Amino acid sequence: MSSRQVIYILYLSESKDSLFYLENETSLFKAFSQPKSAEWILTKYVNSAFIGTNLEKILREEACPQVIITGLTTNH
């Protein structure tokens, strides 16, 4: 079993018309990808997971040798 740290990034929008608006079901994690209790969840409000979060600090403090990115819009 791997001991890799998993960090989830939750993208929320303040626009009521957005699929990522907090009150829309579409902003929630899908059932197959629910975070476990020991996994971190960071919330972002812009395209970058580094802006407005402490993601960079976490990666540096944890001395992560590699990062694997997966998700809805990984081109950002």
PDB file of N, CA and C in Angstrom:
ATOM      1  N   MET A   1       0.849  -1.190   0.000  1.00  0.00           N
ATOM      2  CA  MET A   1       0.000   0.000   0.000  1.00  0.00           C
ATOM      3  C   MET A   1       0.884   1.238   0.000  1.00  0.00           C
ATOM      4  N   SER A   2       0.498   2.227  -0.727  1.00  0.00           N
ATOM      5  CA  SER A   2       1.251   3.473  -0.840  1.00  0.00           C
ATOM      6  C   SER A   2       0.980   4.376   0.352  1.00  0.00           C
ATOM      7  N   SER A   3       1.995   5.125   0.749  1.00  0.00           N
ATOM      8  CA  SER A   3       1.831   6.088   1.843  1.00  0.00           C
ATOM      9  C   SER A   3       1.820   7.514   1.301  1.00  0.00           C
ATOM     10  N   ARG A   4       1.423   7.668   0.083  1.00  0.00           N
ATOM     11  CA  ARG A   4       1.390   8.999  -0.534  1.00  0.00           C
ATOM     12  C   ARG A   4       0.292   9.859   0.066  1.00  0.00           C
ATOM     13  N   GLN A   5       0.633  11.127   0.250  1.00  0.00           N
ATOM     14  CA  GLN A   5      -0.340  12.095   0.739  1.00  0.00           C
ATOM     15  C   GLN A   5      -1.253  12.502  -0.412  1.00  0.00           C
ATOM     16  N   VAL A   6      -2.538  12.556  -0.158  1.00  0.00           N
ATOM     17  CA  VAL A   6      -3.505  12.992  -1.166  1.00  0.00           C
ATOM     18  C   VAL A   6      -4.065  14.332  -0.729  1.00  0.00           C
ATOM     19  N   ILE A   7      -4.045  15.280  -1.656  1.00  0.00           N
ATOM     20  CA  ILE A   7      -4.598  16.607  -1.395  1.00  0.00           C
ATOM     21  C   ILE A   7      -5.696  16.855  -2.420  1.00  0.00           C
ATOM     22  N   TYR A   8      -6.885  17.095  -1.959  1.00  0.00           N
ATOM     23  CA  TYR A   8      -8.012  17.397  -2.836  1.00  0.00           C
ATOM     24  C   TYR A   8      -8.150  18.906  -2.968  1.00  0.00           C
ATOM     25  N   ILE A   9      -8.473  19.336  -4.162  1.00  0.00           N
ATOM     26  CA  ILE A   9      -8.717  20.757  -4.400  1.00  0.00           C
ATOM     27  C   ILE A   9     -10.195  20.903  -4.780  1.00  0.00           C
ATOM     28  N   LEU A  10     -10.927  21.618  -3.967  1.00  0.00           N
ATOM     29  CA  LEU A  10     -12.344  21.865  -4.225  1.00  0.00           C
ATOM     30  C   LEU A  10     -12.477  23.237  -4.864  1.00  0.00           C
ATOM     31  N   TYR A  11     -12.973  23.268  -6.072  1.00  0.00           N
ATOM     32  CA  TYR A  11     -13.135  24.518  -6.813  1.00  0.00           C
ATOM     33  C   TYR A  11     -14.553  25.014  -6.611  1.00  0.00           C
ATOM     34  N   LEU A  12     -14.689  26.178  -5.997  1.00  0.00           N
ATOM     35  CA  LEU A  12     -15.997  26.786  -5.783  1.00  0.00           C
ATOM     36  C   LEU A  12     -16.055  28.143  -6.452  1.00  0.00           C
ATOM     37  N   SER A  13     -17.244  28.501  -6.888  1.00  0.00           N
ATOM     38  CA  SER A  13     -17.466  29.796  -7.522  1.00  0.00           C
ATOM     39  C   SER A  13     -18.463  30.585  -6.690  1.00  0.00           C
ATOM     40  N   GLU A  14     -18.318  31.879  -6.722  1.00  0.00           N
ATOM     41  CA  GLU A  14     -19.275  32.755  -6.046  1.00  0.00           C
ATOM     42  C   GLU A  14     -20.419  33.157  -6.969  1.00  0.00           C
ATOM     43  N   SER A  15     -20.344  32.716  -8.233  1.00  0.00           N
ATOM     44  CA  SER A  15     -21.384  33.026  -9.215  1.00  0.00           C
ATOM     45  C   SER A  15     -22.496  31.982  -9.147  1.00  0.00           C
ATOM     46  N   LYS A  16     -23.709  32.430  -8.923  1.00  0.00           N
ATOM     47  CA  LYS A  16     -24.847  31.510  -8.820  1.00  0.00           C
ATOM     48  C   LYS A  16     -25.117  30.761 -10.120  1.00  0.00           C
ATOM     49  N   ASP A  17     -24.617  31.257 -11.238  1.00  0.00           N
ATOM     50  CA  ASP A  17     -24.814  30.605 -12.533  1.00  0.00           C
ATOM     51  C   ASP A  17     -23.789  29.508 -12.811  1.00  0.00           C
ATOM     52  N   SER A  18     -22.792  29.392 -11.971  1.00  0.00           N
ATOM     53  CA  SER A  18     -21.701  28.450 -12.192  1.00  0.00           C
ATOM     54  C   SER A  18     -22.046  27.039 -11.703  1.00  0.00           C
ATOM     55  N   LEU A  19     -21.530  26.036 -12.415  1.00  0.00           N
ATOM     56  CA  LEU A  19     -21.655  24.652 -11.958  1.00  0.00           C
ATOM     57  C   LEU A  19     -20.928  24.449 -10.634  1.00  0.00           C
ATOM     58  N   PHE A  20     -19.975  25.326 -10.337  1.00  0.00           N
ATOM     59  CA  PHE A  20     -19.160  25.199  -9.136  1.00  0.00           C
ATOM     60  C   PHE A  20     -19.647  26.083  -7.983  1.00  0.00           C
ATOM     61  N   TYR A  21     -20.849  26.650  -8.122  1.00  0.00           N
ATOM     62  CA  TYR A  21     -21.424  27.439  -7.041  1.00  0.00           C
ATOM     63  C   TYR A  21     -21.657  26.532  -5.837  1.00  0.00           C
ATOM     64  N   LEU A  22     -21.315  27.012  -4.652  1.00  0.00           N
ATOM     65  CA  LEU A  22     -21.343  26.222  -3.425  1.00  0.00           C
ATOM     66  C   LEU A  22     -22.654  25.451  -3.215  1.00  0.00           C
ATOM     67  N   GLU A  23     -23.762  26.039  -3.531  1.00  0.00           N
ATOM     68  CA  GLU A  23     -25.050  25.397  -3.261  1.00  0.00           C
ATOM     69  C   GLU A  23     -25.489  24.430  -4.361  1.00  0.00           C
ATOM     70  N   ASN A  24     -24.727  24.328  -5.449  1.00  0.00           N
ATOM     71  CA  ASN A  24     -25.071  23.392  -6.519  1.00  0.00           C
ATOM     72  C   ASN A  24     -24.472  22.025  -6.237  1.00  0.00           C
ATOM     73  N   GLU A  25     -25.243  20.989  -6.466  1.00  0.00           N
ATOM     74  CA  GLU A  25     -24.765  19.622  -6.280  1.00  0.00           C
ATOM     75  C   GLU A  25     -23.533  19.337  -7.149  1.00  0.00           C
ATOM     76  N   THR A  26     -23.442  20.012  -8.272  1.00  0.00           N
ATOM     77  CA  THR A  26     -22.322  19.797  -9.190  1.00  0.00           C
ATOM     78  C   THR A  26     -20.985  20.312  -8.642  1.00  0.00           C
ATOM     79  N   SER A  27     -21.014  21.046  -7.542  1.00  0.00           N
ATOM     80  CA  SER A  27     -19.764  21.524  -6.947  1.00  0.00           C
ATOM     81  C   SER A  27     -19.165  20.514  -5.968  1.00  0.00           C
ATOM     82  N   LEU A  28     -19.895  19.460  -5.664  1.00  0.00           N
ATOM     83  CA  LEU A  28     -19.445  18.478  -4.674  1.00  0.00           C
ATOM     84  C   LEU A  28     -18.550  17.410  -5.298  1.00  0.00           C
ATOM     85  N   PHE A  29     -17.760  16.755  -4.468  1.00  0.00           N
ATOM     86  CA  PHE A  29     -16.964  15.626  -4.936  1.00  0.00           C
ATOM     87  C   PHE A  29     -17.899  14.494  -5.354  1.00  0.00           C
ATOM     88  N   LYS A  30     -17.544  13.790  -6.401  1.00  0.00           N
ATOM     89  CA  LYS A  30     -18.321  12.639  -6.851  1.00  0.00           C
ATOM     90  C   LYS A  30     -18.148  11.497  -5.852  1.00  0.00           C
ATOM     91  N   ALA A  31     -19.110  10.595  -5.805  1.00  0.00           N
ATOM     92  CA  ALA A  31     -19.090   9.489  -4.840  1.00  0.00           C
ATOM     93  C   ALA A  31     -17.820   8.658  -4.937  1.00  0.00           C
ATOM     94  N   PHE A  32     -17.311   8.429  -6.140  1.00  0.00           N
ATOM     95  CA  PHE A  32     -16.130   7.586  -6.314  1.00  0.00           C
ATOM     96  C   PHE A  32     -14.836   8.265  -5.872  1.00  0.00           C
ATOM     97  N   SER A  33     -14.885   9.568  -5.624  1.00  0.00           N
ATOM     98  CA  SER A  33     -13.654  10.289  -5.272  1.00  0.00           C
ATOM     99  C   SER A  33     -13.781  11.064  -3.961  1.00  0.00           C
ATOM    100  N   GLN A  34     -14.561  10.553  -3.052  1.00  0.00           N
ATOM    101  CA  GLN A  34     -14.729  11.223  -1.765  1.00  0.00           C
ATOM    102  C   GLN A  34     -13.431  11.183  -0.966  1.00  0.00           C
ATOM    103  N   PRO A  35     -13.002  12.312  -0.429  1.00  0.00           N
ATOM    104  CA  PRO A  35     -11.800  12.320   0.409  1.00  0.00           C
ATOM    105  C   PRO A  35     -11.999  11.472   1.666  1.00  0.00           C
ATOM    106  N   LYS A  36     -10.914  10.831   2.090  1.00  0.00           N
ATOM    107  CA  LYS A  36     -10.927  10.078   3.340  1.00  0.00           C
ATOM    108  C   LYS A  36     -10.581  11.045   4.468  1.00  0.00           C
ATOM    109  N   SER A  37     -10.834  10.660   5.686  1.00  0.00           N
ATOM    110  CA  SER A  37     -10.683  11.577   6.820  1.00  0.00           C
ATOM    111  C   SER A  37      -9.263  12.124   6.978  1.00  0.00           C
ATOM    112  N   ALA A  38      -8.236  11.369   6.606  1.00  0.00           N
ATOM    113  CA  ALA A  38      -6.854  11.822   6.774  1.00  0.00           C
ATOM    114  C   ALA A  38      -6.343  12.655   5.597  1.00  0.00           C
ATOM    115  N   GLU A  39      -7.138  12.813   4.572  1.00  0.00           N
ATOM    116  CA  GLU A  39      -6.710  13.538   3.370  1.00  0.00           C
ATOM    117  C   GLU A  39      -7.095  15.009   3.464  1.00  0.00           C
ATOM    118  N   TRP A  40      -6.268  15.841   2.903  1.00  0.00           N
ATOM    119  CA  TRP A  40      -6.469  17.281   2.968  1.00  0.00           C
ATOM    120  C   TRP A  40      -7.417  17.740   1.874  1.00  0.00           C
ATOM    121  N   ILE A  41      -8.208  18.768   2.193  1.00  0.00           N
ATOM    122  CA  ILE A  41      -9.086  19.415   1.220  1.00  0.00           C
ATOM    123  C   ILE A  41      -8.766  20.910   1.249  1.00  0.00           C
ATOM    124  N   LEU A  42      -8.358  21.435   0.106  1.00  0.00           N
ATOM    125  CA  LEU A  42      -8.129  22.874  -0.035  1.00  0.00           C
ATOM    126  C   LEU A  42      -9.211  23.429  -0.948  1.00  0.00           C
ATOM    127  N   THR A  43      -9.710  24.595  -0.627  1.00  0.00           N
ATOM    128  CA  THR A  43     -10.748  25.214  -1.445  1.00  0.00           C
ATOM    129  C   THR A  43     -10.139  26.370  -2.222  1.00  0.00           C
ATOM    130  N   LYS A  44     -10.445  26.399  -3.510  1.00  0.00           N
ATOM    131  CA  LYS A  44      -9.954  27.490  -4.360  1.00  0.00           C
ATOM    132  C   LYS A  44     -11.144  28.164  -5.031  1.00  0.00           C
ATOM    133  N   TYR A  45     -10.950  29.421  -5.418  1.00  0.00           N
ATOM    134  CA  TYR A  45     -12.014  30.200  -6.058  1.00  0.00           C
ATOM    135  C   TYR A  45     -11.586  30.747  -7.421  1.00  0.00           C
ATOM    136  N   VAL A  46     -10.376  30.405  -7.844  1.00  0.00           N
ATOM    137  CA  VAL A  46      -9.847  30.810  -9.151  1.00  0.00           C
ATOM    138  C   VAL A  46      -9.271  29.570  -9.824  1.00  0.00           C
ATOM    139  N   ASN A  47      -8.845  29.697 -11.092  1.00  0.00           N
ATOM    140  CA  ASN A  47      -8.364  28.528 -11.826  1.00  0.00           C
ATOM    141  C   ASN A  47      -7.155  27.857 -11.186  1.00  0.00           C
ATOM    142  N   SER A  48      -6.261  28.606 -10.595  1.00  0.00           N
ATOM    143  CA  SER A  48      -5.044  28.039 -10.014  1.00  0.00           C
ATOM    144  C   SER A  48      -5.275  27.535  -8.595  1.00  0.00           C
ATOM    145  N   ALA A  49      -4.777  26.336  -8.307  1.00  0.00           N
ATOM    146  CA  ALA A  49      -4.861  25.791  -6.951  1.00  0.00           C
ATOM    147  C   ALA A  49      -3.819  26.412  -6.032  1.00  0.00           C
ATOM    148  N   PHE A  50      -2.901  27.211  -6.588  1.00  0.00           N
ATOM    149  CA  PHE A  50      -1.867  27.854  -5.787  1.00  0.00           C
ATOM    150  C   PHE A  50      -2.269  29.245  -5.323  1.00  0.00           C
ATOM    151  N   ILE A  51      -3.224  29.868  -6.000  1.00  0.00           N
ATOM    152  CA  ILE A  51      -3.654  31.228  -5.643  1.00  0.00           C
ATOM    153  C   ILE A  51      -4.733  31.139  -4.563  1.00  0.00           C
ATOM    154  N   GLY A  52      -4.468  31.760  -3.427  1.00  0.00           N
ATOM    155  CA  GLY A  52      -5.451  31.801  -2.351  1.00  0.00           C
ATOM    156  C   GLY A  52      -5.495  30.544  -1.494  1.00  0.00           C
ATOM    157  N   THR A  53      -4.538  29.626  -1.695  1.00  0.00           N
ATOM    158  CA  THR A  53      -4.463  28.424  -0.857  1.00  0.00           C
ATOM    159  C   THR A  53      -3.036  28.291  -0.323  1.00  0.00           C
ATOM    160  N   ASN A  54      -2.829  27.347   0.553  1.00  0.00           N
ATOM    161  CA  ASN A  54      -1.481  27.081   1.050  1.00  0.00           C
ATOM    162  C   ASN A  54      -0.890  25.823   0.404  1.00  0.00           C
ATOM    163  N   LEU A  55      -1.298  25.515  -0.814  1.00  0.00           N
ATOM    164  CA  LEU A  55      -0.821  24.326  -1.508  1.00  0.00           C
ATOM    165  C   LEU A  55       0.696  24.326  -1.660  1.00  0.00           C
ATOM    166  N   GLU A  56       1.271  25.422  -2.104  1.00  0.00           N
ATOM    167  CA  GLU A  56       2.726  25.466  -2.279  1.00  0.00           C
ATOM    168  C   GLU A  56       3.438  25.210  -0.956  1.00  0.00           C
ATOM    169  N   LYS A  57       2.967  25.809   0.107  1.00  0.00           N
ATOM    170  CA  LYS A  57       3.568  25.621   1.428  1.00  0.00           C
ATOM    171  C   LYS A  57       3.505  24.153   1.845  1.00  0.00           C
ATOM    172  N   ILE A  58       2.379  23.522   1.645  1.00  0.00           N
ATOM    173  CA  ILE A  58       2.218  22.110   1.990  1.00  0.00           C
ATOM    174  C   ILE A  58       3.201  21.250   1.202  1.00  0.00           C
ATOM    175  N   LEU A  59       3.269  21.474  -0.105  1.00  0.00           N
ATOM    176  CA  LEU A  59       4.166  20.677  -0.939  1.00  0.00           C
ATOM    177  C   LEU A  59       5.624  20.862  -0.513  1.00  0.00           C
ATOM    178  N   ARG A  60       5.997  22.073  -0.188  1.00  0.00           N
ATOM    179  CA  ARG A  60       7.382  22.329   0.243  1.00  0.00           C
ATOM    180  C   ARG A  60       7.662  21.717   1.620  1.00  0.00           C
ATOM    181  N   GLU A  61       6.736  21.881   2.556  1.00  0.00           N
ATOM    182  CA  GLU A  61       6.942  21.341   3.901  1.00  0.00           C
ATOM    183  C   GLU A  61       6.952  19.819   3.915  1.00  0.00           C
ATOM    184  N   GLU A  62       6.145  19.217   3.076  1.00  0.00           N
ATOM    185  CA  GLU A  62       6.086  17.758   3.002  1.00  0.00           C
ATOM    186  C   GLU A  62       7.227  17.194   2.157  1.00  0.00           C
ATOM    187  N   ALA A  63       7.992  18.069   1.527  1.00  0.00           N
ATOM    188  CA  ALA A  63       9.105  17.669   0.656  1.00  0.00           C
ATOM    189  C   ALA A  63       8.658  16.619  -0.358  1.00  0.00           C
ATOM    190  N   CYS A  64       7.590  16.924  -1.058  1.00  0.00           N
ATOM    191  CA  CYS A  64       7.031  15.991  -2.041  1.00  0.00           C
ATOM    192  C   CYS A  64       7.989  15.852  -3.232  1.00  0.00           C
ATOM    193  N   PRO A  65       8.498  14.650  -3.487  1.00  0.00           N
ATOM    194  CA  PRO A  65       9.420  14.460  -4.601  1.00  0.00           C
ATOM    195  C   PRO A  65       8.735  14.496  -5.961  1.00  0.00           C
ATOM    196  N   GLN A  66       7.451  14.209  -5.983  1.00  0.00           N
ATOM    197  CA  GLN A  66       6.703  14.280  -7.236  1.00  0.00           C
ATOM    198  C   GLN A  66       5.244  14.575  -6.934  1.00  0.00           C
ATOM    199  N   VAL A  67       4.578  15.151  -7.929  1.00  0.00           N
ATOM    200  CA  VAL A  67       3.173  15.510  -7.800  1.00  0.00           C
ATOM    201  C   VAL A  67       2.425  14.884  -8.959  1.00  0.00           C
ATOM    202  N   ILE A  68       1.330  14.225  -8.644  1.00  0.00           N
ATOM    203  CA  ILE A  68       0.473  13.640  -9.670  1.00  0.00           C
ATOM    204  C   ILE A  68      -0.823  14.443  -9.661  1.00  0.00           C
ATOM    205  N   ILE A  69      -1.184  14.991 -10.821  1.00  0.00           N
ATOM    206  CA  ILE A  69      -2.378  15.822 -10.906  1.00  0.00           C
ATOM    207  C   ILE A  69      -3.427  15.107 -11.731  1.00  0.00           C
ATOM    208  N   THR A  70      -4.638  15.088 -11.219  1.00  0.00           N
ATOM    209  CA  THR A  70      -5.756  14.503 -11.941  1.00  0.00           C
ATOM    210  C   THR A  70      -6.984  15.349 -11.640  1.00  0.00           C
ATOM    211  N   GLY A  71      -7.944  15.328 -12.523  1.00  0.00           N
ATOM    212  CA  GLY A  71      -9.140  16.087 -12.221  1.00  0.00           C
ATOM    213  C   GLY A  71      -9.867  16.576 -13.448  1.00  0.00           C
ATOM    214  N   LEU A  72     -10.774  17.487 -13.201  1.00  0.00           N
ATOM    215  CA  LEU A  72     -11.683  17.980 -14.222  1.00  0.00           C
ATOM    216  C   LEU A  72     -10.994  18.871 -15.251  1.00  0.00           C
ATOM    217  N   THR A  73     -10.213  19.828 -14.784  1.00  0.00           N
ATOM    218  CA  THR A  73      -9.579  20.769 -15.692  1.00  0.00           C
ATOM    219  C   THR A  73      -8.088  20.876 -15.402  1.00  0.00           C
ATOM    220  N   THR A  74      -7.369  19.813 -15.634  1.00  0.00           N
ATOM    221  CA  THR A  74      -5.942  19.784 -15.319  1.00  0.00           C
ATOM    222  C   THR A  74      -5.116  20.690 -16.223  1.00  0.00           C
ATOM    223  N   ASN A  75      -5.698  21.199 -17.315  1.00  0.00           N
ATOM    224  CA  ASN A  75      -4.955  22.110 -18.179  1.00  0.00           C
ATOM    225  C   ASN A  75      -4.705  23.446 -17.516  1.00  0.00           C
ATOM    226  N   HIS A  76      -5.363  23.756 -16.428  1.00  0.00           N
ATOM    227  CA  HIS A  76      -5.142  25.011 -15.711  1.00  0.00           C
ATOM    228  C   HIS A  76      -3.965  24.868 -14.789  1.00  0.00           C
TER     229      HIS A  76
END
